[in-house]
All heavy atoms as atom14 arrays in JSON, in Angstrom:
{
  "sequence": "LSHHLNIDKEAAKKIAQEVNDQLFSKVRHSLKKIYHLEE",
  "atom14_mask": [
    [1, 1, 1, 1, 1, 1, 1, 1, 0, 0, 0, 0, 0, 0],
    [1, 1, 1, 1, 1, 1, 0, 0, 0, 0, 0, 0, 0, 0],
    [1, 1, 1, 1, 1, 1, 1, 1, 1, 1, 0, 0, 0, 0],
    [1, 1, 1, 1, 1, 1, 1, 1, 1, 1, 0, 0, 0, 0],
    [1, 1, 1, 1, 1, 1, 1, 1, 0, 0, 0, 0, 0, 0],
    [1, 1, 1, 1, 1, 1, 1, 1, 0, 0, 0, 0, 0, 0],
    [1, 1, 1, 1, 1, 1, 1, 1, 0, 0, 0, 0, 0, 0],
    [1, 1, 1, 1, 1, 1, 1, 1, 0, 0, 0, 0, 0, 0],
    [1, 1, 1, 1, 1, 1, 1, 1, 1, 0, 0, 0, 0, 0],
    [1, 1, 1, 1, 1, 1, 1, 1, 1, 0, 0, 0, 0, 0],
    [1, 1, 1, 1, 1, 0, 0, 0, 0, 0, 0, 0, 0, 0],
    [1, 1, 1, 1, 1, 0, 0, 0, 0, 0, 0, 0, 0, 0],
    [1, 1, 1, 1, 1, 1, 1, 1, 1, 0, 0, 0, 0, 0],
    [1, 1, 1, 1, 1, 1, 1, 1, 1, 0, 0, 0, 0, 0],
    [1, 1, 1, 1, 1, 1, 1, 1, 0, 0, 0, 0, 0, 0],
    [1, 1, 1, 1, 1, 0, 0, 0, 0, 0, 0, 0, 0, 0],
    [1, 1, 1, 1, 1, 1, 1, 1, 1, 0, 0, 0, 0, 0],
    [1, 1, 1, 1, 1, 1, 1, 1, 1, 0, 0, 0, 0, 0],
    [1, 1, 1, 1, 1, 1, 1, 0, 0, 0, 0, 0, 0, 0],
    [1, 1, 1, 1, 1, 1, 1, 1, 0, 0, 0, 0, 0, 0],
    [1, 1, 1, 1, 1, 1, 1, 1, 0, 0, 0, 0, 0, 0],
    [1, 1, 1, 1, 1, 1, 1, 1, 1, 0, 0, 0, 0, 0],
    [1, 1, 1, 1, 1, 1, 1, 1, 0, 0, 0, 0, 0, 0],
    [1, 1, 1, 1, 1, 1, 1, 1, 1, 1, 1, 0, 0, 0],
    [1, 1, 1, 1, 1, 1, 0, 0, 0, 0, 0, 0, 0, 0],
    [1, 1, 1, 1, 1, 1, 1, 1, 1, 0, 0, 0, 0, 0],
    [1, 1, 1, 1, 1, 1, 1, 0, 0, 0, 0, 0, 0, 0],
    [1, 1, 1, 1, 1, 1, 1, 1, 1, 1, 1, 0, 0, 0],
    [1, 1, 1, 1, 1, 1, 1, 1, 1, 1, 0, 0, 0, 0],
    [1, 1, 1, 1, 1, 1, 0, 0, 0, 0, 0, 0, 0, 0],
    [1, 1, 1, 1, 1, 1, 1, 1, 0, 0, 0, 0, 0, 0],
    [1, 1, 1, 1, 1, 1, 1, 1, 1, 0, 0, 0, 0, 0],
    [1, 1, 1, 1, 1, 1, 1, 1, 1, 0, 0, 0, 0, 0],
    [1, 1, 1, 1, 1, 1, 1, 1, 0, 0, 0, 0, 0, 0],
    [1, 1, 1, 1, 1, 1, 1, 1, 1, 1, 1, 1, 0, 0],
    [1, 1, 1, 1, 1, 1, 1, 1, 1, 1, 0, 0, 0, 0],
    [1, 1, 1, 1, 1, 1, 1, 1, 0, 0, 0, 0, 0, 0],
    [1, 1, 1, 1, 1, 1, 1, 1, 1, 0, 0, 0, 0, 0],
    [1, 1, 1, 1, 1, 1, 1, 1, 1, 0, 0, 0, 0, 0]
  ],
  "atom14_positions": [
    [[3.91, 113.74, -43.12], [2.47, 113.99, -42.97], [1.66, 112.86, -43.49], [0.68, 112.37, -42.81], [2.09, 115.27, -43.7], [2.49, 116.64, -43.09], [2.05, 117.77, -44.0], [2.03, 116.78, -41.72], [0.0, 0.0, 0.0], [0.0, 0.0, 0.0], [0.0, 0.0, 0.0], [0.0, 0.0, 0.0], [0.0, 0.0, 0.0], [0.0, 0.0, 0.0]],
    [[2.0, 112.35, -44.68], [1.28, 111.28, -45.27], [1.29, 110.04, -44.37], [0.25, 109.42, -44.06], [1.88, 110.91, -46.63], [1.19, 109.86, -47.23], [0.0, 0.0, 0.0], [0.0, 0.0, 0.0], [0.0, 0.0, 0.0], [0.0, 0.0, 0.0], [0.0, 0.0, 0.0], [0.0, 0.0, 0.0], [0.0, 0.0, 0.0], [0.0, 0.0, 0.0]],
    [[2.49, 109.76, -43.8], [2.59, 108.55, -42.95], [1.91, 108.73, -41.59], [1.12, 107.92, -41.13], [4.07, 108.23, -42.74], [4.33, 107.11, -41.83], [4.1, 105.82, -42.15], [4.79, 107.09, -40.49], [4.41, 105.02, -41.12], [4.83, 105.75, -40.14], [0.0, 0.0, 0.0], [0.0, 0.0, 0.0], [0.0, 0.0, 0.0], [0.0, 0.0, 0.0]],
    [[2.24, 109.84, -40.87], [1.73, 110.0, -39.49], [0.27, 110.4, -39.42], [-0.42, 110.09, -38.43], [2.59, 111.04, -38.74], [3.91, 110.54, -38.49], [5.13, 111.2, -38.87], [4.42, 109.39, -37.85], [6.17, 110.58, -38.52], [5.78, 109.44, -37.92], [0.0, 0.0, 0.0], [0.0, 0.0, 0.0], [0.0, 0.0, 0.0], [0.0, 0.0, 0.0]],
    [[-0.29, 111.07, -40.47], [-1.69, 111.34, -40.47], [-2.5, 110.31, -41.13], [-3.7, 110.44, -41.14], [-1.91, 112.73, -41.16], [-1.17, 113.95, -40.61], [-1.51, 115.18, -41.4], [-1.43, 114.12, -39.11], [0.0, 0.0, 0.0], [0.0, 0.0, 0.0], [0.0, 0.0, 0.0], [0.0, 0.0, 0.0], [0.0, 0.0, 0.0], [0.0, 0.0, 0.0]],
    [[-1.78, 109.35, -41.74], [-2.5, 108.24, -42.47], [-3.44, 108.83, -43.58], [-4.61, 108.47, -43.6], [-3.25, 107.38, -41.49], [-3.59, 106.0, -42.12], [-2.93, 105.57, -43.03], [-4.68, 105.37, -41.62], [0.0, 0.0, 0.0], [0.0, 0.0, 0.0], [0.0, 0.0, 0.0], [0.0, 0.0, 0.0], [0.0, 0.0, 0.0], [0.0, 0.0, 0.0]],
    [[-2.89, 109.69, -44.35], [-3.58, 110.26, -45.48], [-2.76, 110.09, -46.78], [-1.55, 109.73, -46.75], [-3.83, 111.79, -45.29], [-2.48, 112.57, -45.06], [-4.74, 111.99, -44.11], [-2.64, 114.05, -44.93], [0.0, 0.0, 0.0], [0.0, 0.0, 0.0], [0.0, 0.0, 0.0], [0.0, 0.0, 0.0], [0.0, 0.0, 0.0], [0.0, 0.0, 0.0]],
    [[-3.43, 110.26, -47.94], [-2.7, 110.08, -49.15], [-1.79, 111.29, -49.47], [-1.87, 112.31, -48.77], [-3.64, 109.82, -50.35], [-4.55, 111.04, -50.67], [-4.33, 112.12, -50.13], [-5.5, 110.82, -51.4], [0.0, 0.0, 0.0], [0.0, 0.0, 0.0], [0.0, 0.0, 0.0], [0.0, 0.0, 0.0], [0.0, 0.0, 0.0], [0.0, 0.0, 0.0]],
    [[-0.88, 111.11, -50.4], [0.13, 112.07, -50.7], [-0.49, 113.42, -51.17], [0.01, 114.5, -50.88], [1.12, 111.61, -51.73], [2.48, 111.32, -51.15], [3.49, 111.08, -52.16], [4.84, 111.08, -51.49], [5.91, 110.6, -52.23], [0.0, 0.0, 0.0], [0.0, 0.0, 0.0], [0.0, 0.0, 0.0], [0.0, 0.0, 0.0], [0.0, 0.0, 0.0]],
    [[-1.6, 113.35, -51.91], [-2.24, 114.58, -52.41], [-2.74, 115.39, -51.27], [-2.57, 116.63, -51.27], [-3.37, 114.21, -53.44], [-2.88, 113.59, -54.74], [-1.93, 114.51, -55.44], [-2.22, 115.73, -55.6], [-0.87, 114.02, -55.87], [0.0, 0.0, 0.0], [0.0, 0.0, 0.0], [0.0, 0.0, 0.0], [0.0, 0.0, 0.0], [0.0, 0.0, 0.0]],
    [[-3.36, 114.75, -50.32], [-3.88, 115.53, -49.15], [-2.71, 116.09, -48.32], [-2.83, 117.22, -47.88], [-4.75, 114.59, -48.28], [0.0, 0.0, 0.0], [0.0, 0.0, 0.0], [0.0, 0.0, 0.0], [0.0, 0.0, 0.0], [0.0, 0.0, 0.0], [0.0, 0.0, 0.0], [0.0, 0.0, 0.0], [0.0, 0.0, 0.0], [0.0, 0.0, 0.0]],
    [[-1.65, 115.32, -48.21], [-0.47, 115.78, -47.48], [0.14, 116.97, -48.2], [0.6, 117.95, -47.56], [0.59, 114.65, -47.38], [0.0, 0.0, 0.0], [0.0, 0.0, 0.0], [0.0, 0.0, 0.0], [0.0, 0.0, 0.0], [0.0, 0.0, 0.0], [0.0, 0.0, 0.0], [0.0, 0.0, 0.0], [0.0, 0.0, 0.0], [0.0, 0.0, 0.0]],
    [[0.18, 116.95, -49.54], [0.68, 118.1, -50.29], [-0.12, 119.35, -50.09], [0.39, 120.46, -49.9], [0.69, 117.8, -51.8], [1.73, 116.76, -52.19], [1.59, 116.43, -53.66], [2.39, 115.24, -54.05], [2.22, 114.86, -55.45], [0.0, 0.0, 0.0], [0.0, 0.0, 0.0], [0.0, 0.0, 0.0], [0.0, 0.0, 0.0], [0.0, 0.0, 0.0]],
    [[-1.39, 119.14, -50.05], [-2.36, 120.33, -49.84], [-2.14, 120.93, -48.44], [-2.0, 122.14, -48.33], [-3.77, 119.87, -50.06], [-4.78, 120.99, -49.88], [-6.18, 120.45, -50.15], [-7.23, 121.54, -49.99], [-7.72, 121.7, -48.62], [0.0, 0.0, 0.0], [0.0, 0.0, 0.0], [0.0, 0.0, 0.0], [0.0, 0.0, 0.0], [0.0, 0.0, 0.0]],
    [[-2.03, 120.1, -47.48], [-1.8, 120.54, -46.11], [-0.43, 121.16, -46.0], [-0.3, 122.29, -45.37], [-1.91, 119.36, -45.16], [-3.4, 118.91, -45.07], [-1.48, 119.72, -43.75], [-3.61, 117.61, -44.3], [0.0, 0.0, 0.0], [0.0, 0.0, 0.0], [0.0, 0.0, 0.0], [0.0, 0.0, 0.0], [0.0, 0.0, 0.0], [0.0, 0.0, 0.0]],
    [[0.59, 120.63, -46.61], [1.94, 121.21, -46.55], [1.93, 122.63, -47.17], [2.6, 123.5, -46.66], [2.94, 120.34, -47.27], [0.0, 0.0, 0.0], [0.0, 0.0, 0.0], [0.0, 0.0, 0.0], [0.0, 0.0, 0.0], [0.0, 0.0, 0.0], [0.0, 0.0, 0.0], [0.0, 0.0, 0.0], [0.0, 0.0, 0.0], [0.0, 0.0, 0.0]],
    [[1.2, 122.73, -48.26], [1.14, 124.08, -48.91], [0.48, 125.12, -47.98], [0.95, 126.2, -47.88], [0.41, 123.95, -50.25], [0.29, 125.26, -51.0], [1.64, 125.76, -51.49], [2.37, 124.96, -52.1], [1.99, 126.96, -51.22], [0.0, 0.0, 0.0], [0.0, 0.0, 0.0], [0.0, 0.0, 0.0], [0.0, 0.0, 0.0], [0.0, 0.0, 0.0]],
    [[-0.61, 124.72, -47.32], [-1.27, 125.62, -46.41], [-0.37, 125.98, -45.27], [-0.31, 127.12, -44.81], [-2.58, 125.0, -45.89], [-3.66, 124.89, -46.96], [-4.92, 124.25, -46.45], [-5.32, 124.49, -45.29], [-5.57, 123.47, -47.27], [0.0, 0.0, 0.0], [0.0, 0.0, 0.0], [0.0, 0.0, 0.0], [0.0, 0.0, 0.0], [0.0, 0.0, 0.0]],
    [[0.34, 125.02, -44.68], [1.22, 125.27, -43.57], [2.33, 126.21, -43.99], [2.72, 127.14, -43.28], [1.77, 123.89, -43.0], [2.93, 124.15, -42.07], [0.67, 123.1, -42.32], [0.0, 0.0, 0.0], [0.0, 0.0, 0.0], [0.0, 0.0, 0.0], [0.0, 0.0, 0.0], [0.0, 0.0, 0.0], [0.0, 0.0, 0.0], [0.0, 0.0, 0.0]],
    [[2.86, 125.95, -45.17], [3.93, 126.8, -45.67], [3.46, 128.22, -45.83], [4.12, 129.18, -45.42], [4.39, 126.28, -47.01], [5.62, 127.04, -47.54], [6.61, 127.19, -46.88], [5.45, 127.56, -48.72], [0.0, 0.0, 0.0], [0.0, 0.0, 0.0], [0.0, 0.0, 0.0], [0.0, 0.0, 0.0], [0.0, 0.0, 0.0], [0.0, 0.0, 0.0]],
    [[2.3, 128.39, -46.44], [1.74, 129.76, -46.72], [1.37, 130.47, -45.41], [1.57, 131.65, -45.29], [0.47, 129.7, -47.61], [0.84, 129.21, -49.04], [2.02, 129.27, -49.39], [-0.09, 128.81, -49.73], [0.0, 0.0, 0.0], [0.0, 0.0, 0.0], [0.0, 0.0, 0.0], [0.0, 0.0, 0.0], [0.0, 0.0, 0.0], [0.0, 0.0, 0.0]],
    [[0.82, 129.73, -44.43], [0.27, 130.41, -43.22], [1.24, 130.43, -42.06], [1.08, 131.3, -41.16], [-1.08, 129.73, -42.89], [-2.09, 129.95, -43.97], [-3.41, 129.25, -43.59], [-3.75, 129.19, -42.43], [-4.05, 128.66, -44.61], [0.0, 0.0, 0.0], [0.0, 0.0, 0.0], [0.0, 0.0, 0.0], [0.0, 0.0, 0.0], [0.0, 0.0, 0.0]],
    [[2.18, 129.46, -42.0], [3.08, 129.47, -40.8], [4.55, 129.65, -41.14], [5.18, 130.51, -40.6], [2.86, 128.11, -40.07], [1.6, 127.91, -39.3], [1.56, 126.55, -38.69], [1.45, 128.97, -38.22], [0.0, 0.0, 0.0], [0.0, 0.0, 0.0], [0.0, 0.0, 0.0], [0.0, 0.0, 0.0], [0.0, 0.0, 0.0], [0.0, 0.0, 0.0]],
    [[5.07, 128.77, -42.03], [6.49, 128.83, -42.32], [6.89, 130.1, -43.03], [7.97, 130.56, -42.81], [6.87, 127.62, -43.18], [6.78, 126.3, -42.48], [6.63, 125.14, -43.23], [6.85, 126.15, -41.15], [6.57, 123.86, -42.57], [6.76, 124.93, -40.49], [6.62, 123.77, -41.21], [0.0, 0.0, 0.0], [0.0, 0.0, 0.0], [0.0, 0.0, 0.0]],
    [[5.96, 130.72, -43.76], [6.33, 131.94, -44.45], [6.67, 133.09, -43.44], [7.5, 133.95, -43.74], [5.23, 132.37, -45.38], [4.05, 132.68, -44.65], [0.0, 0.0, 0.0], [0.0, 0.0, 0.0], [0.0, 0.0, 0.0], [0.0, 0.0, 0.0], [0.0, 0.0, 0.0], [0.0, 0.0, 0.0], [0.0, 0.0, 0.0], [0.0, 0.0, 0.0]],
    [[6.1, 133.05, -42.27], [6.32, 134.08, -41.28], [7.7, 133.96, -40.62], [8.18, 134.96, -40.12], [5.27, 134.02, -40.2], [3.87, 134.35, -40.77], [2.79, 134.19, -39.69], [1.42, 134.46, -40.3], [0.35, 134.27, -39.31], [0.0, 0.0, 0.0], [0.0, 0.0, 0.0], [0.0, 0.0, 0.0], [0.0, 0.0, 0.0], [0.0, 0.0, 0.0]],
    [[8.28, 132.81, -40.65], [9.62, 132.55, -40.03], [10.66, 132.01, -41.05], [11.58, 131.4, -40.64], [9.43, 131.61, -38.78], [8.73, 132.29, -37.64], [8.79, 130.34, -39.21], [0.0, 0.0, 0.0], [0.0, 0.0, 0.0], [0.0, 0.0, 0.0], [0.0, 0.0, 0.0], [0.0, 0.0, 0.0], [0.0, 0.0, 0.0], [0.0, 0.0, 0.0]],
    [[10.37, 132.33, -42.27], [11.24, 131.76, -43.36], [12.72, 132.1, -43.16], [13.59, 131.25, -43.34], [10.76, 132.33, -44.7], [11.42, 131.73, -45.9], [10.8, 132.07, -47.22], [9.35, 132.11, -47.25], [8.6, 131.04, -47.43], [9.1, 129.84, -47.55], [7.29, 131.13, -47.46], [0.0, 0.0, 0.0], [0.0, 0.0, 0.0], [0.0, 0.0, 0.0]],
    [[13.0, 133.36, -42.77], [14.43, 133.71, -42.65], [15.11, 132.88, -41.57], [16.28, 132.41, -41.79], [14.49, 135.2, -42.31], [15.88, 135.72, -42.2], [16.7, 135.92, -43.27], [16.65, 136.11, -41.09], [17.84, 136.33, -42.86], [17.82, 136.47, -41.55], [0.0, 0.0, 0.0], [0.0, 0.0, 0.0], [0.0, 0.0, 0.0], [0.0, 0.0, 0.0]],
    [[14.48, 132.68, -40.46], [15.09, 131.86, -39.42], [15.15, 130.35, -39.8], [16.13, 129.69, -39.45], [14.29, 132.0, -38.09], [14.39, 133.33, -37.65], [0.0, 0.0, 0.0], [0.0, 0.0, 0.0], [0.0, 0.0, 0.0], [0.0, 0.0, 0.0], [0.0, 0.0, 0.0], [0.0, 0.0, 0.0], [0.0, 0.0, 0.0], [0.0, 0.0, 0.0]],
    [[14.15, 129.87, -40.5], [14.23, 128.46, -40.99], [15.41, 128.31, -41.93], [16.04, 127.27, -41.93], [12.91, 128.07, -41.67], [11.71, 127.9, -40.71], [10.43, 127.75, -41.54], [11.95, 126.68, -39.83], [0.0, 0.0, 0.0], [0.0, 0.0, 0.0], [0.0, 0.0, 0.0], [0.0, 0.0, 0.0], [0.0, 0.0, 0.0], [0.0, 0.0, 0.0]],
    [[15.67, 129.28, -42.79], [16.83, 129.23, -43.7], [18.15, 129.1, -42.87], [19.02, 128.29, -43.25], [16.95, 130.43, -44.59], [15.91, 130.57, -45.63], [16.14, 131.82, -46.39], [15.04, 132.07, -47.44], [15.19, 133.29, -48.16], [0.0, 0.0, 0.0], [0.0, 0.0, 0.0], [0.0, 0.0, 0.0], [0.0, 0.0, 0.0], [0.0, 0.0, 0.0]],
    [[18.21, 129.86, -41.81], [19.45, 129.8, -40.99], [19.63, 128.47, -40.36], [20.7, 127.88, -40.36], [19.33, 130.86, -39.86], [19.6, 132.26, -40.33], [19.59, 133.18, -39.15], [19.82, 134.66, -39.61], [19.68, 135.56, -38.47], [0.0, 0.0, 0.0], [0.0, 0.0, 0.0], [0.0, 0.0, 0.0], [0.0, 0.0, 0.0], [0.0, 0.0, 0.0]],
    [[18.55, 127.89, -39.77], [18.75, 126.6, -39.05], [19.04, 125.44, -39.97], [19.6, 124.45, -39.6], [17.61, 126.31, -38.06], [16.33, 126.07, -38.69], [17.52, 127.36, -36.96], [15.2, 125.54, -37.78], [0.0, 0.0, 0.0], [0.0, 0.0, 0.0], [0.0, 0.0, 0.0], [0.0, 0.0, 0.0], [0.0, 0.0, 0.0], [0.0, 0.0, 0.0]],
    [[18.55, 125.57, -41.21], [18.77, 124.54, -42.21], [19.96, 124.82, -43.08], [20.22, 124.12, -44.0], [17.51, 124.23, -42.99], [16.55, 123.51, -42.18], [15.37, 124.17, -41.72], [16.68, 122.17, -41.83], [14.4, 123.52, -40.93], [15.72, 121.52, -41.04], [14.61, 122.16, -40.6], [13.68, 121.55, -39.84], [0.0, 0.0, 0.0], [0.0, 0.0, 0.0]],
    [[20.65, 125.9, -42.81], [21.85, 126.35, -43.55], [21.52, 126.42, -45.09], [22.33, 125.94, -45.89], [23.02, 125.42, -43.32], [23.28, 125.24, -41.86], [23.79, 126.28, -41.05], [23.08, 124.22, -41.02], [23.88, 125.84, -39.83], [23.49, 124.6, -39.74], [0.0, 0.0, 0.0], [0.0, 0.0, 0.0], [0.0, 0.0, 0.0], [0.0, 0.0, 0.0]],
    [[20.4, 126.97, -45.42], [20.05, 127.13, -46.78], [20.58, 128.45, -47.29], [20.72, 129.43, -46.55], [18.52, 127.16, -46.96], [17.83, 125.83, -46.54], [16.33, 126.05, -46.6], [18.25, 124.74, -47.45], [0.0, 0.0, 0.0], [0.0, 0.0, 0.0], [0.0, 0.0, 0.0], [0.0, 0.0, 0.0], [0.0, 0.0, 0.0], [0.0, 0.0, 0.0]],
    [[20.97, 128.45, -48.58], [21.47, 129.69, -49.19], [20.42, 130.75, -49.13], [19.24, 130.54, -49.1], [21.83, 129.45, -50.65], [22.95, 128.53, -50.81], [23.26, 128.28, -52.31], [22.9, 129.09, -53.09], [23.91, 127.26, -52.59], [0.0, 0.0, 0.0], [0.0, 0.0, 0.0], [0.0, 0.0, 0.0], [0.0, 0.0, 0.0], [0.0, 0.0, 0.0]],
    [[20.85, 132.03, -49.03], [19.91, 133.14, -48.91], [19.01, 133.22, -50.12], [17.87, 133.65, -49.96], [20.71, 134.4, -48.76], [20.13, 135.52, -48.0], [19.48, 135.08, -46.66], [20.07, 134.37, -45.84], [18.37, 135.58, -46.46], [0.0, 0.0, 0.0], [0.0, 0.0, 0.0], [0.0, 0.0, 0.0], [0.0, 0.0, 0.0], [0.0, 0.0, 0.0]]
  ]
}
């Protein structure tokens, strides 16, 4: 995010947190499966 959006790391962290809370949290179980993360 920092590189492709040409923003500083703090802004990228804030955006990542929002994406995680609003999008990734809804599909967390499936994301765990595709990344082979422990339950």
